[in-house]
């Protein structure tokens, strides 16, 4: 019923979709991001998880304007996702991903091995597929933190992963098929 937006002014705003009105702002002098909000998602229990250019994630309280800072990354956060059990995954320009136990507000696994910023990932059960600016795609076991497989681009100079998905069918992107129309059609994987 709610939608959350993040912005360059470091704030997040929660809107009610049913009433088409603003419910609350998530920012204060004491809590929140100190730089642009780059990504945001809901948790199953009603909290909000946001990632910022300040290299941190904020796990926002359900009702109060306060958050718990998750600070294991060393670069801007590019994407966050949370599963039905409350486990979170984040990717970052520090070339890594982190797996989070959001109930305990702590990092449980670091997925490290990319040599360029991680721009996207997809996740299903214990498998995380991540894409980086060098065009590589890595497949991780998010329980052990091990990279179980790596795909290299056909041409590194022109490759950039614009999105990835985990499902029963995987296919290469062709520019006319890519919903974002940002793909080069070479080593990209469609959203």
N, C-alpha and C. Protein backbone atom coordinates (compact mmCIF):
# COMPACT_ATOMS: atom_id res chain seq x y z
N UNK A 1 0.81 -1.20 0.00
CA UNK A 1 0.00 0.00 0.00
C UNK A 1 0.86 1.26 0.00
N UNK A 2 2.13 1.13 0.38
CA UNK A 2 3.02 2.29 0.43
C UNK A 2 4.07 2.24 -0.67
N UNK A 3 4.53 3.40 -1.05
CA UNK A 3 5.68 3.52 -1.94
C UNK A 3 6.66 4.46 -1.25
N UNK A 4 7.95 4.15 -1.39
CA UNK A 4 9.00 4.97 -0.77
C UNK A 4 9.89 5.50 -1.87
N UNK A 5 10.19 6.79 -1.82
CA UNK A 5 11.11 7.40 -2.78
C UNK A 5 12.34 7.89 -2.04
N UNK A 6 13.47 7.82 -2.70
CA UNK A 6 14.71 8.37 -2.16
C UNK A 6 15.20 9.44 -3.11
N UNK A 7 15.97 10.41 -2.60
CA UNK A 7 16.37 11.50 -3.48
C UNK A 7 17.75 12.06 -3.17
N UNK A 8 18.15 13.00 -4.00
CA UNK A 8 19.46 13.63 -3.89
C UNK A 8 19.59 14.52 -2.66
N UNK A 9 18.47 14.89 -2.05
CA UNK A 9 18.55 15.73 -0.84
C UNK A 9 18.74 14.89 0.43
N UNK A 10 19.06 13.60 0.27
CA UNK A 10 19.39 12.65 1.34
C UNK A 10 18.16 12.10 2.05
N UNK A 11 16.98 12.47 1.63
CA UNK A 11 15.77 12.04 2.33
C UNK A 11 15.04 10.93 1.60
N UNK A 12 14.15 10.29 2.33
CA UNK A 12 13.20 9.33 1.77
C UNK A 12 11.82 9.81 2.18
N UNK A 13 10.83 9.58 1.33
CA UNK A 13 9.46 9.95 1.65
C UNK A 13 8.57 8.74 1.41
N UNK A 14 7.71 8.46 2.39
CA UNK A 14 6.76 7.36 2.29
C UNK A 14 5.41 7.95 1.87
N UNK A 15 4.85 7.39 0.79
CA UNK A 15 3.55 7.81 0.29
C UNK A 15 2.56 6.66 0.40
N UNK A 16 1.31 6.99 0.69
CA UNK A 16 0.23 6.00 0.68
C UNK A 16 -0.33 5.93 -0.73
N UNK A 17 -0.33 4.74 -1.34
CA UNK A 17 -0.90 4.59 -2.67
C UNK A 17 -2.42 4.65 -2.65
N UNK A 18 -3.04 4.14 -1.59
CA UNK A 18 -4.50 4.14 -1.53
C UNK A 18 -5.07 5.54 -1.34
N UNK A 19 -4.36 6.38 -0.58
CA UNK A 19 -4.84 7.74 -0.32
C UNK A 19 -4.16 8.78 -1.21
N UNK A 20 -3.15 8.33 -1.95
CA UNK A 20 -2.36 9.23 -2.80
C UNK A 20 -1.88 10.46 -2.03
N UNK A 21 -1.29 10.16 -0.86
CA UNK A 21 -0.81 11.25 -0.02
C UNK A 21 0.50 10.88 0.66
N UNK A 22 1.20 11.89 1.10
CA UNK A 22 2.47 11.72 1.81
C UNK A 22 2.18 11.29 3.25
N UNK A 23 2.86 10.23 3.70
CA UNK A 23 2.67 9.75 5.07
C UNK A 23 3.73 10.28 6.03
N UNK A 24 5.00 10.19 5.59
CA UNK A 24 6.09 10.66 6.47
C UNK A 24 7.39 10.76 5.70
N UNK A 25 8.29 11.56 6.24
CA UNK A 25 9.64 11.68 5.69
C UNK A 25 10.59 10.89 6.58
N UNK A 26 11.58 10.26 5.94
CA UNK A 26 12.58 9.50 6.69
C UNK A 26 13.91 10.23 6.56
N UNK A 27 14.12 11.16 7.45
CA UNK A 27 15.38 11.91 7.50
C UNK A 27 15.32 12.81 8.72
N UNK A 28 16.43 12.93 9.41
CA UNK A 28 16.56 13.89 10.50
C UNK A 28 18.03 14.23 10.63
N UNK A 29 18.34 15.20 11.43
CA UNK A 29 19.75 15.57 11.62
C UNK A 29 20.54 14.43 12.25
N UNK A 30 19.85 13.61 13.03
CA UNK A 30 20.53 12.53 13.74
C UNK A 30 20.53 11.20 12.97
N UNK A 31 19.52 10.98 12.14
CA UNK A 31 19.38 9.70 11.45
C UNK A 31 19.25 9.89 9.94
N UNK A 32 19.82 8.94 9.21
CA UNK A 32 19.64 8.93 7.76
C UNK A 32 20.94 9.06 7.00
N UNK A 33 20.77 9.29 5.71
CA UNK A 33 21.91 9.37 4.80
C UNK A 33 22.53 10.77 4.80
N UNK A 34 23.83 10.80 4.52
CA UNK A 34 24.56 12.07 4.42
C UNK A 34 24.88 12.40 2.97
N UNK A 35 24.37 11.60 2.04
CA UNK A 35 24.57 11.81 0.61
C UNK A 35 23.33 11.25 -0.10
N UNK A 36 23.32 11.27 -1.41
CA UNK A 36 22.18 10.83 -2.20
C UNK A 36 21.68 9.45 -1.78
N UNK A 37 20.37 9.26 -1.81
CA UNK A 37 19.77 7.95 -1.63
C UNK A 37 19.74 7.30 -3.01
N UNK A 38 20.39 6.15 -3.15
CA UNK A 38 20.55 5.49 -4.44
C UNK A 38 19.51 4.39 -4.70
N UNK A 39 19.02 3.74 -3.64
CA UNK A 39 18.08 2.62 -3.81
C UNK A 39 17.32 2.41 -2.51
N UNK A 40 16.16 1.80 -2.63
CA UNK A 40 15.31 1.59 -1.45
C UNK A 40 14.38 0.41 -1.70
N UNK A 41 14.04 -0.32 -0.63
CA UNK A 41 13.08 -1.41 -0.71
C UNK A 41 12.40 -1.57 0.64
N UNK A 42 11.29 -2.30 0.63
CA UNK A 42 10.56 -2.63 1.86
C UNK A 42 11.04 -3.98 2.39
N UNK A 43 10.93 -4.16 3.69
CA UNK A 43 11.15 -5.47 4.30
C UNK A 43 9.79 -6.11 4.54
N UNK A 44 9.73 -7.43 4.70
CA UNK A 44 8.44 -8.08 4.91
C UNK A 44 7.71 -7.62 6.18
N UNK A 45 8.46 -7.15 7.17
CA UNK A 45 7.83 -6.72 8.43
C UNK A 45 7.50 -5.23 8.47
N UNK A 46 7.59 -4.54 7.33
CA UNK A 46 7.16 -3.15 7.27
C UNK A 46 8.24 -2.10 7.43
N UNK A 47 9.48 -2.52 7.62
CA UNK A 47 10.56 -1.55 7.70
C UNK A 47 11.00 -1.18 6.29
N UNK A 48 11.86 -0.17 6.20
CA UNK A 48 12.41 0.28 4.92
C UNK A 48 13.92 0.13 4.99
N UNK A 49 14.52 -0.38 3.90
CA UNK A 49 15.97 -0.49 3.79
C UNK A 49 16.40 0.38 2.62
N UNK A 50 17.30 1.35 2.91
CA UNK A 50 17.78 2.25 1.86
C UNK A 50 19.29 2.18 1.77
N UNK A 51 19.80 2.44 0.57
CA UNK A 51 21.24 2.48 0.34
C UNK A 51 21.61 3.82 -0.26
N UNK A 52 22.76 4.35 0.14
CA UNK A 52 23.12 5.69 -0.32
C UNK A 52 24.52 5.80 -0.89
N UNK A 53 24.77 6.96 -1.47
CA UNK A 53 26.10 7.28 -1.98
C UNK A 53 27.09 7.49 -0.84
N UNK A 54 26.60 7.53 0.38
CA UNK A 54 27.45 7.66 1.57
C UNK A 54 28.01 6.32 2.04
N UNK A 55 27.83 5.27 1.25
CA UNK A 55 28.37 3.92 1.51
C UNK A 55 27.66 3.16 2.61
N UNK A 56 26.51 3.64 3.06
CA UNK A 56 25.83 2.91 4.12
C UNK A 56 24.40 2.57 3.73
N UNK A 57 23.89 1.57 4.44
CA UNK A 57 22.49 1.22 4.36
C UNK A 57 21.83 1.72 5.63
N UNK A 58 20.60 2.18 5.50
CA UNK A 58 19.81 2.58 6.66
C UNK A 58 18.62 1.65 6.76
N UNK A 59 18.48 1.00 7.90
CA UNK A 59 17.34 0.14 8.18
C UNK A 59 16.40 0.95 9.07
N UNK A 60 15.31 1.44 8.46
CA UNK A 60 14.41 2.40 9.11
C UNK A 60 13.38 1.70 9.98
N UNK A 61 13.12 2.30 11.12
CA UNK A 61 12.10 1.85 12.05
C UNK A 61 10.72 1.89 11.38
N UNK A 62 9.82 1.03 11.82
CA UNK A 62 8.49 0.96 11.22
C UNK A 62 7.68 2.24 11.42
N UNK A 63 7.86 2.92 12.55
CA UNK A 63 7.02 4.08 12.83
C UNK A 63 7.79 5.35 13.16
N UNK A 64 8.92 5.25 13.82
CA UNK A 64 9.69 6.42 14.21
C UNK A 64 10.66 6.83 13.10
N UNK A 65 11.08 8.08 13.12
CA UNK A 65 12.06 8.56 12.15
C UNK A 65 13.45 8.33 12.73
N UNK A 66 13.82 7.05 12.76
CA UNK A 66 15.16 6.66 13.20
C UNK A 66 15.54 5.40 12.47
N UNK A 67 16.84 5.19 12.34
CA UNK A 67 17.32 4.02 11.61
C UNK A 67 18.57 3.45 12.26
N UNK A 68 18.86 2.23 11.88
CA UNK A 68 20.10 1.57 12.26
C UNK A 68 21.00 1.62 11.04
N UNK A 69 22.21 2.14 11.21
CA UNK A 69 23.17 2.21 10.10
C UNK A 69 23.90 0.88 9.94
N UNK A 70 23.95 0.39 8.70
CA UNK A 70 24.71 -0.80 8.35
C UNK A 70 25.88 -0.32 7.50
N UNK A 71 27.08 -0.43 8.02
CA UNK A 71 28.22 0.29 7.45
C UNK A 71 29.38 -0.58 6.97
N UNK A 72 29.11 -1.78 6.50
CA UNK A 72 30.19 -2.66 6.07
C UNK A 72 30.74 -2.33 4.68
N UNK A 73 29.98 -1.61 3.85
CA UNK A 73 30.46 -1.25 2.51
C UNK A 73 31.42 -0.05 2.59
N UNK A 74 32.28 0.07 1.56
CA UNK A 74 33.24 1.17 1.48
C UNK A 74 33.04 2.02 0.22
N UNK A 75 31.89 1.85 -0.44
CA UNK A 75 31.57 2.61 -1.64
C UNK A 75 30.07 2.78 -1.75
N UNK A 76 29.64 3.64 -2.66
CA UNK A 76 28.21 3.89 -2.86
C UNK A 76 27.44 2.59 -3.05
N UNK A 77 26.25 2.54 -2.52
CA UNK A 77 25.39 1.37 -2.65
C UNK A 77 24.64 1.47 -3.97
N UNK A 78 24.67 0.41 -4.78
CA UNK A 78 24.02 0.44 -6.08
C UNK A 78 22.65 -0.24 -6.09
N UNK A 79 22.43 -1.21 -5.20
CA UNK A 79 21.15 -1.92 -5.20
C UNK A 79 20.96 -2.62 -3.87
N UNK A 80 19.69 -2.72 -3.43
CA UNK A 80 19.33 -3.50 -2.24
C UNK A 80 18.11 -4.36 -2.58
N UNK A 81 18.02 -5.51 -1.92
CA UNK A 81 16.86 -6.39 -2.06
C UNK A 81 16.70 -7.15 -0.75
N UNK A 82 15.44 -7.52 -0.46
CA UNK A 82 15.13 -8.26 0.76
C UNK A 82 14.20 -9.40 0.39
N UNK A 83 14.46 -10.60 0.94
CA UNK A 83 13.57 -11.73 0.66
C UNK A 83 12.47 -11.83 1.70
N UNK A 84 11.60 -12.81 1.54
CA UNK A 84 10.43 -12.98 2.42
C UNK A 84 10.81 -13.29 3.86
N UNK A 85 12.01 -13.83 4.08
CA UNK A 85 12.44 -14.17 5.44
C UNK A 85 13.17 -13.02 6.15
N UNK A 86 13.37 -11.90 5.45
CA UNK A 86 14.03 -10.76 6.07
C UNK A 86 15.54 -10.74 5.89
N UNK A 87 16.06 -11.56 5.00
CA UNK A 87 17.49 -11.52 4.67
C UNK A 87 17.66 -10.49 3.55
N UNK A 88 18.66 -9.65 3.66
CA UNK A 88 18.91 -8.62 2.66
C UNK A 88 20.21 -8.85 1.92
N UNK A 89 20.27 -8.33 0.71
CA UNK A 89 21.51 -8.33 -0.08
C UNK A 89 21.70 -6.92 -0.61
N UNK A 90 22.95 -6.45 -0.60
CA UNK A 90 23.28 -5.14 -1.14
C UNK A 90 24.50 -5.27 -2.05
N UNK A 91 24.55 -4.42 -3.08
CA UNK A 91 25.73 -4.36 -3.95
C UNK A 91 26.28 -2.94 -3.89
N UNK A 92 27.58 -2.83 -4.24
CA UNK A 92 28.24 -1.55 -4.01
C UNK A 92 29.33 -1.27 -5.03
N UNK A 93 29.68 0.00 -5.10
CA UNK A 93 30.80 0.45 -5.92
C UNK A 93 32.14 0.06 -5.30
N UNK A 94 32.13 -0.55 -4.11
CA UNK A 94 33.37 -1.07 -3.53
C UNK A 94 33.72 -2.45 -4.09
N UNK A 95 33.01 -2.87 -5.15
CA UNK A 95 33.25 -4.14 -5.87
C UNK A 95 32.76 -5.37 -5.11
N UNK A 96 31.85 -5.19 -4.17
CA UNK A 96 31.38 -6.32 -3.37
C UNK A 96 29.86 -6.32 -3.21
N UNK A 97 29.37 -7.43 -2.67
CA UNK A 97 27.99 -7.55 -2.21
C UNK A 97 28.05 -7.97 -0.76
N UNK A 98 27.00 -7.68 -0.03
CA UNK A 98 26.89 -8.11 1.36
C UNK A 98 25.54 -8.78 1.56
N UNK A 99 25.53 -9.83 2.39
CA UNK A 99 24.30 -10.50 2.79
C UNK A 99 24.06 -10.11 4.25
N UNK A 100 22.81 -9.69 4.55
CA UNK A 100 22.48 -9.11 5.84
C UNK A 100 21.41 -9.92 6.56
N UNK A 101 21.60 -10.12 7.85
CA UNK A 101 20.54 -10.59 8.73
C UNK A 101 19.91 -9.31 9.27
N UNK A 102 18.77 -8.93 8.73
CA UNK A 102 18.17 -7.64 9.10
C UNK A 102 17.54 -7.67 10.48
N UNK A 103 17.16 -8.85 10.99
CA UNK A 103 16.63 -8.92 12.35
C UNK A 103 17.70 -8.59 13.37
N UNK A 104 18.93 -8.97 13.07
CA UNK A 104 20.06 -8.68 13.97
C UNK A 104 20.87 -7.46 13.53
N UNK A 105 20.53 -6.91 12.36
CA UNK A 105 21.22 -5.74 11.80
C UNK A 105 22.72 -5.97 11.70
N UNK A 106 23.09 -7.11 11.07
CA UNK A 106 24.51 -7.39 10.91
C UNK A 106 24.77 -8.11 9.59
N UNK A 107 25.98 -7.93 9.09
CA UNK A 107 26.42 -8.60 7.88
C UNK A 107 26.77 -10.04 8.21
N UNK A 108 26.23 -10.98 7.43
CA UNK A 108 26.53 -12.40 7.68
C UNK A 108 27.45 -12.99 6.63
N UNK A 109 27.61 -12.29 5.49
CA UNK A 109 28.48 -12.80 4.45
C UNK A 109 28.91 -11.67 3.52
N UNK A 110 30.18 -11.68 3.14
CA UNK A 110 30.72 -10.73 2.17
C UNK A 110 31.02 -11.49 0.89
N UNK A 111 30.47 -11.03 -0.23
CA UNK A 111 30.70 -11.66 -1.52
C UNK A 111 31.69 -10.77 -2.27
N UNK A 112 32.96 -11.17 -2.25
CA UNK A 112 34.02 -10.34 -2.80
C UNK A 112 34.77 -11.08 -3.90
N UNK A 113 35.13 -10.34 -4.96
CA UNK A 113 35.85 -10.94 -6.07
C UNK A 113 35.76 -10.13 -7.34
N UNK A 114 34.73 -9.30 -7.48
CA UNK A 114 34.66 -8.40 -8.63
C UNK A 114 35.80 -7.39 -8.55
N UNK A 115 36.28 -6.92 -9.70
CA UNK A 115 37.36 -5.94 -9.72
C UNK A 115 36.87 -4.55 -10.13
N UNK A 116 35.62 -4.44 -10.49
CA UNK A 116 34.98 -3.15 -10.81
C UNK A 116 33.68 -3.06 -10.01
N UNK A 117 33.09 -1.87 -9.92
CA UNK A 117 31.86 -1.71 -9.15
C UNK A 117 30.76 -2.70 -9.56
N UNK A 118 30.07 -3.24 -8.54
CA UNK A 118 28.94 -4.13 -8.77
C UNK A 118 27.71 -3.25 -8.96
N UNK A 119 27.09 -3.34 -10.13
CA UNK A 119 25.98 -2.46 -10.47
C UNK A 119 24.61 -3.11 -10.33
N UNK A 120 24.57 -4.44 -10.34
CA UNK A 120 23.28 -5.11 -10.27
C UNK A 120 23.44 -6.54 -9.77
N UNK A 121 22.34 -7.12 -9.32
CA UNK A 121 22.34 -8.53 -8.94
C UNK A 121 20.91 -9.05 -9.00
N UNK A 122 20.82 -10.36 -9.08
CA UNK A 122 19.55 -11.06 -8.96
C UNK A 122 19.77 -12.19 -7.97
N UNK A 123 18.67 -12.64 -7.35
CA UNK A 123 18.84 -13.53 -6.23
C UNK A 123 17.68 -14.50 -6.16
N UNK A 124 17.98 -15.76 -5.99
CA UNK A 124 16.96 -16.79 -5.82
C UNK A 124 17.50 -17.84 -4.87
N UNK A 125 16.79 -18.04 -3.76
CA UNK A 125 17.21 -18.99 -2.73
C UNK A 125 18.62 -18.67 -2.28
N UNK A 126 19.57 -19.59 -2.44
CA UNK A 126 20.94 -19.32 -1.97
C UNK A 126 21.86 -18.87 -3.09
N UNK A 127 21.33 -18.66 -4.30
CA UNK A 127 22.15 -18.24 -5.44
C UNK A 127 21.98 -16.75 -5.71
N UNK A 128 23.11 -16.05 -5.76
CA UNK A 128 23.12 -14.64 -6.14
C UNK A 128 23.95 -14.53 -7.42
N UNK A 129 23.38 -13.88 -8.44
CA UNK A 129 24.11 -13.60 -9.68
C UNK A 129 24.36 -12.10 -9.70
N UNK A 130 25.62 -11.70 -9.81
CA UNK A 130 25.96 -10.28 -9.77
C UNK A 130 26.67 -9.86 -11.05
N UNK A 131 26.42 -8.62 -11.44
CA UNK A 131 27.06 -8.06 -12.62
C UNK A 131 27.84 -6.82 -12.26
N UNK A 132 29.01 -6.65 -12.88
CA UNK A 132 29.88 -5.53 -12.55
C UNK A 132 30.22 -4.71 -13.79
N UNK A 133 30.83 -3.56 -13.55
CA UNK A 133 31.17 -2.64 -14.64
C UNK A 133 32.18 -3.19 -15.63
N UNK A 134 32.91 -4.24 -15.26
CA UNK A 134 33.86 -4.84 -16.20
C UNK A 134 33.18 -5.87 -17.10
N UNK A 135 31.86 -6.06 -16.94
CA UNK A 135 31.12 -6.99 -17.78
C UNK A 135 31.08 -8.41 -17.27
N UNK A 136 31.76 -8.69 -16.16
CA UNK A 136 31.73 -10.05 -15.63
C UNK A 136 30.45 -10.30 -14.86
N UNK A 137 30.05 -11.55 -14.86
CA UNK A 137 28.91 -12.00 -14.07
C UNK A 137 29.44 -13.10 -13.16
N UNK A 138 29.18 -12.97 -11.89
CA UNK A 138 29.61 -13.98 -10.92
C UNK A 138 28.39 -14.57 -10.25
N UNK A 139 28.49 -15.87 -9.97
CA UNK A 139 27.43 -16.60 -9.28
C UNK A 139 27.95 -16.99 -7.91
N UNK A 140 27.19 -16.66 -6.87
CA UNK A 140 27.64 -16.82 -5.50
C UNK A 140 26.69 -17.72 -4.72
N UNK A 141 27.26 -18.47 -3.79
CA UNK A 141 26.47 -19.14 -2.76
C UNK A 141 26.40 -18.13 -1.61
N UNK A 142 25.22 -17.58 -1.34
CA UNK A 142 25.16 -16.52 -0.34
C UNK A 142 25.30 -17.04 1.09
N UNK A 143 25.26 -18.36 1.30
CA UNK A 143 25.49 -18.90 2.63
C UNK A 143 26.98 -19.00 2.93
N UNK A 144 27.74 -19.50 1.98
CA UNK A 144 29.18 -19.68 2.19
C UNK A 144 29.99 -18.44 1.78
N UNK A 145 29.42 -17.59 0.91
CA UNK A 145 30.14 -16.43 0.41
C UNK A 145 31.08 -16.76 -0.74
N UNK A 146 31.05 -18.01 -1.21
CA UNK A 146 31.95 -18.44 -2.29
C UNK A 146 31.39 -18.13 -3.66
N UNK A 147 32.30 -17.71 -4.56
CA UNK A 147 31.94 -17.56 -5.96
C UNK A 147 31.98 -18.96 -6.57
N UNK A 148 30.83 -19.42 -7.08
CA UNK A 148 30.76 -20.78 -7.61
C UNK A 148 30.96 -20.83 -9.12
N UNK A 149 30.84 -19.69 -9.79
CA UNK A 149 31.06 -19.64 -11.23
C UNK A 149 31.25 -18.19 -11.66
N UNK A 150 32.03 -18.00 -12.74
CA UNK A 150 32.27 -16.66 -13.28
C UNK A 150 32.15 -16.72 -14.79
N UNK A 151 31.39 -15.78 -15.34
CA UNK A 151 31.30 -15.64 -16.79
C UNK A 151 32.07 -14.39 -17.19
N UNK A 152 32.89 -14.52 -18.23
CA UNK A 152 33.68 -13.39 -18.71
C UNK A 152 33.01 -12.81 -19.95
N UNK A 153 33.16 -11.51 -20.16
CA UNK A 153 32.57 -10.89 -21.34
C UNK A 153 33.30 -11.29 -22.62
N UNK A 154 32.62 -11.15 -23.74
CA UNK A 154 33.27 -11.42 -25.02
C UNK A 154 34.30 -10.34 -25.32
N UNK A 155 33.95 -9.11 -25.05
CA UNK A 155 34.86 -7.98 -25.26
C UNK A 155 34.78 -7.06 -24.06
N UNK A 156 35.81 -7.04 -23.25
CA UNK A 156 35.77 -6.26 -22.02
C UNK A 156 35.54 -4.78 -22.25
N UNK A 157 36.14 -4.21 -23.29
CA UNK A 157 36.05 -2.77 -23.49
C UNK A 157 34.62 -2.31 -23.75
N UNK A 158 33.78 -3.17 -24.31
CA UNK A 158 32.42 -2.75 -24.63
C UNK A 158 31.37 -3.38 -23.73
N UNK A 159 31.77 -4.20 -22.77
CA UNK A 159 30.81 -4.92 -21.95
C UNK A 159 30.46 -4.14 -20.69
N UNK A 160 29.19 -4.17 -20.36
CA UNK A 160 28.71 -3.60 -19.11
C UNK A 160 27.41 -4.30 -18.78
N UNK A 161 27.31 -4.88 -17.61
CA UNK A 161 26.10 -5.60 -17.24
C UNK A 161 25.07 -4.59 -16.76
N UNK A 162 23.93 -4.52 -17.48
CA UNK A 162 22.90 -3.53 -17.14
C UNK A 162 21.80 -4.12 -16.28
N UNK A 163 21.80 -5.41 -16.07
CA UNK A 163 20.80 -6.05 -15.24
C UNK A 163 20.97 -7.55 -15.33
N UNK A 164 20.40 -8.28 -14.41
CA UNK A 164 20.46 -9.73 -14.49
C UNK A 164 19.24 -10.30 -13.81
N UNK A 165 18.93 -11.53 -14.13
CA UNK A 165 17.79 -12.20 -13.51
C UNK A 165 18.16 -13.64 -13.25
N UNK A 166 17.53 -14.22 -12.27
CA UNK A 166 17.69 -15.63 -11.98
C UNK A 166 16.33 -16.26 -12.20
N UNK A 167 16.27 -17.25 -13.07
CA UNK A 167 15.00 -17.90 -13.37
C UNK A 167 15.24 -19.23 -14.07
N UNK A 168 14.18 -19.77 -14.62
CA UNK A 168 14.30 -21.06 -15.28
C UNK A 168 14.90 -20.92 -16.66
N UNK A 169 14.76 -19.76 -17.29
CA UNK A 169 15.34 -19.53 -18.61
C UNK A 169 16.28 -18.34 -18.52
N UNK A 170 17.46 -18.49 -19.10
CA UNK A 170 18.39 -17.38 -19.20
C UNK A 170 18.64 -17.12 -20.66
N UNK A 171 18.74 -15.84 -21.04
CA UNK A 171 18.99 -15.52 -22.43
C UNK A 171 19.87 -14.30 -22.52
N UNK A 172 20.59 -14.24 -23.59
CA UNK A 172 21.43 -13.08 -23.87
C UNK A 172 20.54 -11.93 -24.31
N UNK A 173 20.99 -10.75 -24.06
CA UNK A 173 20.26 -9.56 -24.46
C UNK A 173 20.56 -9.21 -25.91
N UNK A 174 19.55 -8.80 -26.59
CA UNK A 174 19.71 -8.18 -27.90
C UNK A 174 19.10 -6.80 -27.75
N UNK A 175 19.72 -5.79 -28.32
CA UNK A 175 19.30 -4.41 -28.09
C UNK A 175 17.81 -4.20 -28.30
N UNK A 176 17.22 -4.86 -29.29
CA UNK A 176 15.79 -4.66 -29.55
C UNK A 176 14.91 -5.38 -28.52
N UNK A 177 15.49 -6.29 -27.71
CA UNK A 177 14.72 -7.01 -26.70
C UNK A 177 14.87 -6.41 -25.31
N UNK A 178 15.86 -5.61 -25.10
CA UNK A 178 16.18 -5.11 -23.77
C UNK A 178 15.20 -4.01 -23.37
N UNK A 179 14.49 -4.19 -22.26
CA UNK A 179 13.51 -3.18 -21.87
C UNK A 179 14.13 -1.83 -21.53
N UNK A 180 15.38 -1.81 -21.13
CA UNK A 180 16.00 -0.53 -20.78
C UNK A 180 16.66 0.14 -21.98
N UNK A 181 16.85 -0.61 -23.07
CA UNK A 181 17.50 -0.10 -24.29
C UNK A 181 18.88 0.49 -24.00
N UNK A 182 19.53 0.00 -22.95
CA UNK A 182 20.87 0.45 -22.62
C UNK A 182 21.91 -0.58 -23.01
N UNK A 183 21.47 -1.75 -23.40
CA UNK A 183 22.39 -2.84 -23.68
C UNK A 183 23.13 -2.65 -25.00
N UNK A 184 24.30 -3.22 -25.07
CA UNK A 184 25.08 -3.19 -26.30
C UNK A 184 24.79 -4.39 -27.17
N UNK A 185 24.14 -5.42 -26.60
CA UNK A 185 23.85 -6.63 -27.35
C UNK A 185 25.01 -7.61 -27.37
N UNK A 186 26.08 -7.33 -26.67
CA UNK A 186 27.23 -8.23 -26.69
C UNK A 186 27.23 -9.14 -25.45
N UNK A 187 27.64 -8.61 -24.31
CA UNK A 187 27.76 -9.44 -23.11
C UNK A 187 26.75 -9.06 -22.05
N UNK A 188 25.75 -8.32 -22.41
CA UNK A 188 24.79 -7.85 -21.44
C UNK A 188 23.73 -8.92 -21.14
N UNK A 189 23.14 -8.81 -19.99
CA UNK A 189 22.06 -9.71 -19.60
C UNK A 189 20.86 -8.83 -19.29
N UNK A 190 19.70 -9.16 -19.81
CA UNK A 190 18.52 -8.34 -19.62
C UNK A 190 17.93 -8.49 -18.24
N UNK A 191 17.28 -7.44 -17.78
CA UNK A 191 16.49 -7.48 -16.55
C UNK A 191 15.33 -8.43 -16.72
